[in-house]
Amino acid sequence: TTFYDVEETLTTLGIGEALVTTLSPSGVPSQPF
């Protein structure tokens, strides 16, 4: 992803927040948000 530093994001998420990636109906994984 070009929007997040994944390592830094994983340590700064608040309670009830998450880094999410899912499979689209076509089977392609989304970039994390």
All heavy atoms as atom14 arrays in JSON, in Angstrom:
{
  "sequence": "TTFYDVEETLTTLGIGEALVTTLSPSGVPSQPF",
  "atom14_mask": [
    [1, 1, 1, 1, 1, 1, 1, 0, 0, 0, 0, 0, 0, 0],
    [1, 1, 1, 1, 1, 1, 1, 0, 0, 0, 0, 0, 0, 0],
    [1, 1, 1, 1, 1, 1, 1, 1, 1, 1, 1, 0, 0, 0],
    [1, 1, 1, 1, 1, 1, 1, 1, 1, 1, 1, 1, 0, 0],
    [1, 1, 1, 1, 1, 1, 1, 1, 0, 0, 0, 0, 0, 0],
    [1, 1, 1, 1, 1, 1, 1, 0, 0, 0, 0, 0, 0, 0],
    [1, 1, 1, 1, 1, 1, 1, 1, 1, 0, 0, 0, 0, 0],
    [1, 1, 1, 1, 1, 1, 1, 1, 1, 0, 0, 0, 0, 0],
    [1, 1, 1, 1, 1, 1, 1, 0, 0, 0, 0, 0, 0, 0],
    [1, 1, 1, 1, 1, 1, 1, 1, 0, 0, 0, 0, 0, 0],
    [1, 1, 1, 1, 1, 1, 1, 0, 0, 0, 0, 0, 0, 0],
    [1, 1, 1, 1, 1, 1, 1, 0, 0, 0, 0, 0, 0, 0],
    [1, 1, 1, 1, 1, 1, 1, 1, 0, 0, 0, 0, 0, 0],
    [1, 1, 1, 1, 0, 0, 0, 0, 0, 0, 0, 0, 0, 0],
    [1, 1, 1, 1, 1, 1, 1, 1, 0, 0, 0, 0, 0, 0],
    [1, 1, 1, 1, 0, 0, 0, 0, 0, 0, 0, 0, 0, 0],
    [1, 1, 1, 1, 1, 1, 1, 1, 1, 0, 0, 0, 0, 0],
    [1, 1, 1, 1, 1, 0, 0, 0, 0, 0, 0, 0, 0, 0],
    [1, 1, 1, 1, 1, 1, 1, 1, 0, 0, 0, 0, 0, 0],
    [1, 1, 1, 1, 1, 1, 1, 0, 0, 0, 0, 0, 0, 0],
    [1, 1, 1, 1, 1, 1, 1, 0, 0, 0, 0, 0, 0, 0],
    [1, 1, 1, 1, 1, 1, 1, 0, 0, 0, 0, 0, 0, 0],
    [1, 1, 1, 1, 1, 1, 1, 1, 0, 0, 0, 0, 0, 0],
    [1, 1, 1, 1, 1, 1, 0, 0, 0, 0, 0, 0, 0, 0],
    [1, 1, 1, 1, 1, 1, 1, 0, 0, 0, 0, 0, 0, 0],
    [1, 1, 1, 1, 1, 1, 0, 0, 0, 0, 0, 0, 0, 0],
    [1, 1, 1, 1, 0, 0, 0, 0, 0, 0, 0, 0, 0, 0],
    [1, 1, 1, 1, 1, 1, 1, 0, 0, 0, 0, 0, 0, 0],
    [1, 1, 1, 1, 1, 1, 1, 0, 0, 0, 0, 0, 0, 0],
    [1, 1, 1, 1, 1, 1, 0, 0, 0, 0, 0, 0, 0, 0],
    [1, 1, 1, 1, 1, 1, 1, 1, 1, 0, 0, 0, 0, 0],
    [1, 1, 1, 1, 1, 1, 1, 0, 0, 0, 0, 0, 0, 0],
    [1, 1, 1, 1, 1, 1, 1, 1, 1, 1, 1, 0, 0, 0]
  ],
  "atom14_positions": [
    [[0.84, -1.19, 0.0], [0.0, 0.0, 0.0], [0.88, 1.25, 0.0], [1.96, 1.24, 0.61], [-0.93, 0.04, 1.22], [-1.64, 1.29, 1.23], [-0.16, -0.12, 2.52], [0.0, 0.0, 0.0], [0.0, 0.0, 0.0], [0.0, 0.0, 0.0], [0.0, 0.0, 0.0], [0.0, 0.0, 0.0], [0.0, 0.0, 0.0], [0.0, 0.0, 0.0]],
    [[0.43, 2.28, -0.7], [1.16, 3.55, -0.72], [0.63, 4.53, 0.31], [1.19, 5.61, 0.49], [1.06, 4.18, -2.11], [-0.32, 4.4, -2.43], [1.7, 3.29, -3.16], [0.0, 0.0, 0.0], [0.0, 0.0, 0.0], [0.0, 0.0, 0.0], [0.0, 0.0, 0.0], [0.0, 0.0, 0.0], [0.0, 0.0, 0.0], [0.0, 0.0, 0.0]],
    [[-0.47, 4.13, 0.99], [-1.12, 5.06, 1.92], [-0.68, 4.89, 3.37], [-0.87, 5.79, 4.18], [-2.65, 4.9, 1.84], [-3.22, 5.17, 0.49], [-4.03, 4.25, -0.14], [-2.94, 6.36, -0.17], [-4.56, 4.5, -1.4], [-3.47, 6.62, -1.43], [-4.27, 5.69, -2.05], [0.0, 0.0, 0.0], [0.0, 0.0, 0.0], [0.0, 0.0, 0.0]],
    [[-0.11, 3.73, 3.7], [0.21, 3.45, 5.11], [1.59, 2.84, 5.23], [2.03, 2.06, 4.36], [-0.8, 2.46, 5.72], [-2.23, 2.93, 5.72], [-3.09, 2.59, 4.67], [-2.74, 3.69, 6.76], [-4.42, 3.0, 4.66], [-4.07, 4.11, 6.76], [-4.9, 3.75, 5.71], [-6.2, 4.17, 5.71], [0.0, 0.0, 0.0], [0.0, 0.0, 0.0]],
    [[2.26, 3.17, 6.31], [3.42, 2.41, 6.77], [2.83, 1.31, 7.66], [2.39, 1.58, 8.79], [4.37, 3.31, 7.55], [5.6, 2.56, 8.07], [5.46, 1.38, 8.45], [6.68, 3.15, 8.09], [0.0, 0.0, 0.0], [0.0, 0.0, 0.0], [0.0, 0.0, 0.0], [0.0, 0.0, 0.0], [0.0, 0.0, 0.0], [0.0, 0.0, 0.0]],
    [[2.79, 0.09, 7.14], [2.04, -0.98, 7.81], [2.55, -1.23, 9.22], [1.77, -1.34, 10.18], [2.06, -2.27, 6.96], [1.42, -3.42, 7.74], [1.34, -2.05, 5.65], [0.0, 0.0, 0.0], [0.0, 0.0, 0.0], [0.0, 0.0, 0.0], [0.0, 0.0, 0.0], [0.0, 0.0, 0.0], [0.0, 0.0, 0.0], [0.0, 0.0, 0.0]],
    [[3.88, -1.31, 9.4], [4.42, -1.58, 10.74], [4.01, -0.49, 11.72], [3.57, -0.78, 12.83], [5.95, -1.68, 10.68], [6.46, -3.03, 10.26], [7.96, -3.16, 10.5], [8.43, -2.72, 11.58], [8.64, -3.66, 9.61], [0.0, 0.0, 0.0], [0.0, 0.0, 0.0], [0.0, 0.0, 0.0], [0.0, 0.0, 0.0], [0.0, 0.0, 0.0]],
    [[4.17, 0.74, 11.31], [3.81, 1.85, 12.21], [2.32, 1.86, 12.49], [1.88, 2.09, 13.63], [4.24, 3.18, 11.59], [3.92, 4.38, 12.48], [4.32, 5.69, 11.84], [4.96, 5.66, 10.77], [3.99, 6.76, 12.4], [0.0, 0.0, 0.0], [0.0, 0.0, 0.0], [0.0, 0.0, 0.0], [0.0, 0.0, 0.0], [0.0, 0.0, 0.0]],
    [[1.52, 1.61, 11.47], [0.06, 1.61, 11.64], [-0.38, 0.55, 12.63], [-1.27, 0.79, 13.48], [-0.64, 1.39, 10.28], [-0.24, 2.43, 9.37], [-2.15, 1.4, 10.45], [0.0, 0.0, 0.0], [0.0, 0.0, 0.0], [0.0, 0.0, 0.0], [0.0, 0.0, 0.0], [0.0, 0.0, 0.0], [0.0, 0.0, 0.0], [0.0, 0.0, 0.0]],
    [[0.22, -0.62, 12.56], [-0.18, -1.72, 13.45], [0.09, -1.4, 14.92], [-0.57, -1.96, 15.8], [0.54, -3.01, 13.05], [0.1, -3.66, 11.74], [0.93, -4.91, 11.45], [-1.38, -4.01, 11.77], [0.0, 0.0, 0.0], [0.0, 0.0, 0.0], [0.0, 0.0, 0.0], [0.0, 0.0, 0.0], [0.0, 0.0, 0.0], [0.0, 0.0, 0.0]],
    [[1.03, -0.53, 15.2], [1.32, -0.2, 16.6], [0.58, 1.04, 17.08], [0.61, 1.34, 18.28], [2.84, 0.02, 16.79], [3.27, 1.1, 15.93], [3.61, -1.24, 16.46], [0.0, 0.0, 0.0], [0.0, 0.0, 0.0], [0.0, 0.0, 0.0], [0.0, 0.0, 0.0], [0.0, 0.0, 0.0], [0.0, 0.0, 0.0], [0.0, 0.0, 0.0]],
    [[-0.07, 1.77, 16.16], [-0.74, 3.02, 16.56], [-2.25, 2.95, 16.42], [-2.93, 3.95, 16.68], [-0.2, 4.18, 15.7], [-0.4, 3.9, 14.31], [1.28, 4.4, 15.97], [0.0, 0.0, 0.0], [0.0, 0.0, 0.0], [0.0, 0.0, 0.0], [0.0, 0.0, 0.0], [0.0, 0.0, 0.0], [0.0, 0.0, 0.0], [0.0, 0.0, 0.0]],
    [[-2.79, 1.82, 16.03], [-4.25, 1.68, 15.94], [-4.87, 1.83, 17.32], [-4.34, 1.32, 18.32], [-4.62, 0.32, 15.34], [-4.29, 0.1, 13.86], [-4.44, -1.39, 13.51], [-5.21, 0.93, 12.97], [0.0, 0.0, 0.0], [0.0, 0.0, 0.0], [0.0, 0.0, 0.0], [0.0, 0.0, 0.0], [0.0, 0.0, 0.0], [0.0, 0.0, 0.0]],
    [[-6.01, 2.5, 17.39], [-6.72, 2.64, 18.66], [-7.62, 1.46, 18.93], [-7.78, 0.54, 18.11], [0.0, 0.0, 0.0], [0.0, 0.0, 0.0], [0.0, 0.0, 0.0], [0.0, 0.0, 0.0], [0.0, 0.0, 0.0], [0.0, 0.0, 0.0], [0.0, 0.0, 0.0], [0.0, 0.0, 0.0], [0.0, 0.0, 0.0], [0.0, 0.0, 0.0]],
    [[-8.25, 1.45, 20.1], [-9.19, 0.39, 20.45], [-10.38, 0.44, 19.49], [-10.94, 1.51, 19.23], [-9.67, 0.54, 21.9], [-8.51, 0.37, 22.86], [-10.77, -0.47, 22.21], [-8.87, 0.66, 24.31], [0.0, 0.0, 0.0], [0.0, 0.0, 0.0], [0.0, 0.0, 0.0], [0.0, 0.0, 0.0], [0.0, 0.0, 0.0], [0.0, 0.0, 0.0]],
    [[-10.72, -0.71, 18.94], [-11.83, -0.75, 17.98], [-11.44, -0.33, 16.59], [-12.31, -0.11, 15.74], [0.0, 0.0, 0.0], [0.0, 0.0, 0.0], [0.0, 0.0, 0.0], [0.0, 0.0, 0.0], [0.0, 0.0, 0.0], [0.0, 0.0, 0.0], [0.0, 0.0, 0.0], [0.0, 0.0, 0.0], [0.0, 0.0, 0.0], [0.0, 0.0, 0.0]],
    [[-10.15, -0.22, 16.31], [-9.65, 0.07, 14.98], [-8.82, -1.11, 14.49], [-8.22, -1.84, 15.29], [-8.81, 1.35, 14.95], [-9.6, 2.6, 15.3], [-8.76, 3.86, 15.29], [-7.51, 3.74, 15.25], [-9.34, 4.96, 15.32], [0.0, 0.0, 0.0], [0.0, 0.0, 0.0], [0.0, 0.0, 0.0], [0.0, 0.0, 0.0], [0.0, 0.0, 0.0]],
    [[-8.77, -1.3, 13.17], [-8.06, -2.45, 12.62], [-7.55, -2.12, 11.22], [-8.11, -1.26, 10.52], [-8.96, -3.67, 12.58], [0.0, 0.0, 0.0], [0.0, 0.0, 0.0], [0.0, 0.0, 0.0], [0.0, 0.0, 0.0], [0.0, 0.0, 0.0], [0.0, 0.0, 0.0], [0.0, 0.0, 0.0], [0.0, 0.0, 0.0], [0.0, 0.0, 0.0]],
    [[-6.5, -2.8, 10.82], [-6.01, -2.75, 9.45], [-6.69, -3.9, 8.71], [-6.53, -5.07, 9.1], [-4.5, -2.88, 9.41], [-3.81, -2.54, 8.09], [-4.01, -1.07, 7.73], [-2.31, -2.87, 8.14], [0.0, 0.0, 0.0], [0.0, 0.0, 0.0], [0.0, 0.0, 0.0], [0.0, 0.0, 0.0], [0.0, 0.0, 0.0], [0.0, 0.0, 0.0]],
    [[-7.43, -3.58, 7.66], [-8.32, -4.56, 7.02], [-7.94, -4.75, 5.56], [-7.7, -3.78, 4.83], [-9.79, -4.1, 7.12], [-10.7, -5.06, 6.34], [-10.22, -4.0, 8.57], [0.0, 0.0, 0.0], [0.0, 0.0, 0.0], [0.0, 0.0, 0.0], [0.0, 0.0, 0.0], [0.0, 0.0, 0.0], [0.0, 0.0, 0.0], [0.0, 0.0, 0.0]],
    [[-7.88, -6.0, 5.13], [-7.8, -6.36, 3.72], [-8.75, -7.53, 3.49], [-8.85, -8.44, 4.33], [-6.37, -6.72, 3.29], [-6.38, -7.14, 1.91], [-5.8, -7.85, 4.13], [0.0, 0.0, 0.0], [0.0, 0.0, 0.0], [0.0, 0.0, 0.0], [0.0, 0.0, 0.0], [0.0, 0.0, 0.0], [0.0, 0.0, 0.0], [0.0, 0.0, 0.0]],
    [[-9.47, -7.49, 2.38], [-10.46, -8.53, 2.09], [-10.3, -9.01, 0.65], [-9.63, -8.37, -0.17], [-11.9, -7.99, 2.27], [-12.18, -7.05, 1.23], [-12.08, -7.34, 3.63], [0.0, 0.0, 0.0], [0.0, 0.0, 0.0], [0.0, 0.0, 0.0], [0.0, 0.0, 0.0], [0.0, 0.0, 0.0], [0.0, 0.0, 0.0], [0.0, 0.0, 0.0]],
    [[-10.93, -10.14, 0.36], [-10.99, -10.64, -1.01], [-12.21, -10.06, -1.69], [-13.32, -10.13, -1.16], [-11.05, -12.16, -1.03], [-9.76, -12.94, -0.79], [-10.04, -14.43, -0.89], [-8.68, -12.54, -1.78], [0.0, 0.0, 0.0], [0.0, 0.0, 0.0], [0.0, 0.0, 0.0], [0.0, 0.0, 0.0], [0.0, 0.0, 0.0], [0.0, 0.0, 0.0]],
    [[-12.02, -9.51, -2.86], [-13.15, -8.99, -3.64], [-13.9, -10.16, -4.25], [-13.4, -11.3, -4.29], [-12.64, -8.06, -4.74], [-11.93, -8.81, -5.73], [0.0, 0.0, 0.0], [0.0, 0.0, 0.0], [0.0, 0.0, 0.0], [0.0, 0.0, 0.0], [0.0, 0.0, 0.0], [0.0, 0.0, 0.0], [0.0, 0.0, 0.0], [0.0, 0.0, 0.0]],
    [[-15.13, -9.95, -4.76], [-15.86, -11.04, -5.42], [-15.1, -11.69, -6.57], [-15.36, -12.84, -6.92], [-17.14, -10.34, -5.91], [-17.34, -9.22, -4.94], [-15.96, -8.74, -4.62], [0.0, 0.0, 0.0], [0.0, 0.0, 0.0], [0.0, 0.0, 0.0], [0.0, 0.0, 0.0], [0.0, 0.0, 0.0], [0.0, 0.0, 0.0], [0.0, 0.0, 0.0]],
    [[-14.14, -10.96, -7.14], [-13.33, -11.54, -8.21], [-12.13, -12.3, -7.67], [-11.33, -12.86, -8.44], [-12.86, -10.43, -9.16], [-12.06, -9.48, -8.47], [0.0, 0.0, 0.0], [0.0, 0.0, 0.0], [0.0, 0.0, 0.0], [0.0, 0.0, 0.0], [0.0, 0.0, 0.0], [0.0, 0.0, 0.0], [0.0, 0.0, 0.0], [0.0, 0.0, 0.0]],
    [[-11.96, -12.32, -6.34], [-10.87, -13.06, -5.73], [-9.59, -12.3, -5.58], [-8.55, -12.87, -5.21], [0.0, 0.0, 0.0], [0.0, 0.0, 0.0], [0.0, 0.0, 0.0], [0.0, 0.0, 0.0], [0.0, 0.0, 0.0], [0.0, 0.0, 0.0], [0.0, 0.0, 0.0], [0.0, 0.0, 0.0], [0.0, 0.0, 0.0], [0.0, 0.0, 0.0]],
    [[-9.6, -10.99, -5.83], [-8.4, -10.16, -5.72], [-8.37, -9.51, -4.34], [-9.34, -8.88, -3.92], [-8.39, -9.06, -6.81], [-7.15, -8.18, -6.66], [-8.44, -9.68, -8.19], [0.0, 0.0, 0.0], [0.0, 0.0, 0.0], [0.0, 0.0, 0.0], [0.0, 0.0, 0.0], [0.0, 0.0, 0.0], [0.0, 0.0, 0.0], [0.0, 0.0, 0.0]],
    [[-7.26, -9.64, -3.6], [-7.19, -9.01, -2.28], [-7.1, -7.49, -2.41], [-6.39, -6.96, -3.27], [-5.92, -9.6, -1.67], [-5.1, -10.06, -2.82], [-6.05, -10.45, -3.89], [0.0, 0.0, 0.0], [0.0, 0.0, 0.0], [0.0, 0.0, 0.0], [0.0, 0.0, 0.0], [0.0, 0.0, 0.0], [0.0, 0.0, 0.0], [0.0, 0.0, 0.0]],
    [[-7.82, -6.8, -1.55], [-7.77, -5.33, -1.54], [-6.49, -4.87, -0.87], [-5.88, -5.6, -0.08], [-8.98, -4.77, -0.79], [-8.85, -5.03, 0.61], [0.0, 0.0, 0.0], [0.0, 0.0, 0.0], [0.0, 0.0, 0.0], [0.0, 0.0, 0.0], [0.0, 0.0, 0.0], [0.0, 0.0, 0.0], [0.0, 0.0, 0.0], [0.0, 0.0, 0.0]],
    [[-6.07, -3.63, -1.19], [-4.98, -3.08, -0.43], [-5.5, -2.76, 0.98], [-6.7, -2.54, 1.18], [-4.42, -1.83, -1.09], [-5.37, -0.67, -1.23], [-4.67, 0.54, -1.81], [-3.62, 0.97, -1.31], [-5.22, 1.11, -2.88], [0.0, 0.0, 0.0], [0.0, 0.0, 0.0], [0.0, 0.0, 0.0], [0.0, 0.0, 0.0], [0.0, 0.0, 0.0]],
    [[-4.65, -2.79, 1.99], [-5.12, -2.61, 3.37], [-5.51, -1.17, 3.66], [-4.9, -0.23, 3.15], [-3.92, -3.04, 4.21], [-2.73, -2.81, 3.33], [-3.19, -3.06, 1.94], [0.0, 0.0, 0.0], [0.0, 0.0, 0.0], [0.0, 0.0, 0.0], [0.0, 0.0, 0.0], [0.0, 0.0, 0.0], [0.0, 0.0, 0.0], [0.0, 0.0, 0.0]],
    [[-6.54, -1.03, 4.49], [-6.98, 0.27, 4.97], [-7.15, 0.2, 6.48], [-7.67, -0.79, 7.01], [-8.32, 0.68, 4.34], [-8.23, 1.03, 2.88], [-8.38, 0.05, 1.91], [-7.97, 2.33, 2.47], [-8.29, 0.36, 0.56], [-7.87, 2.65, 1.13], [-8.03, 1.68, 0.17], [0.0, 0.0, 0.0], [0.0, 0.0, 0.0], [0.0, 0.0, 0.0]]
  ]
}
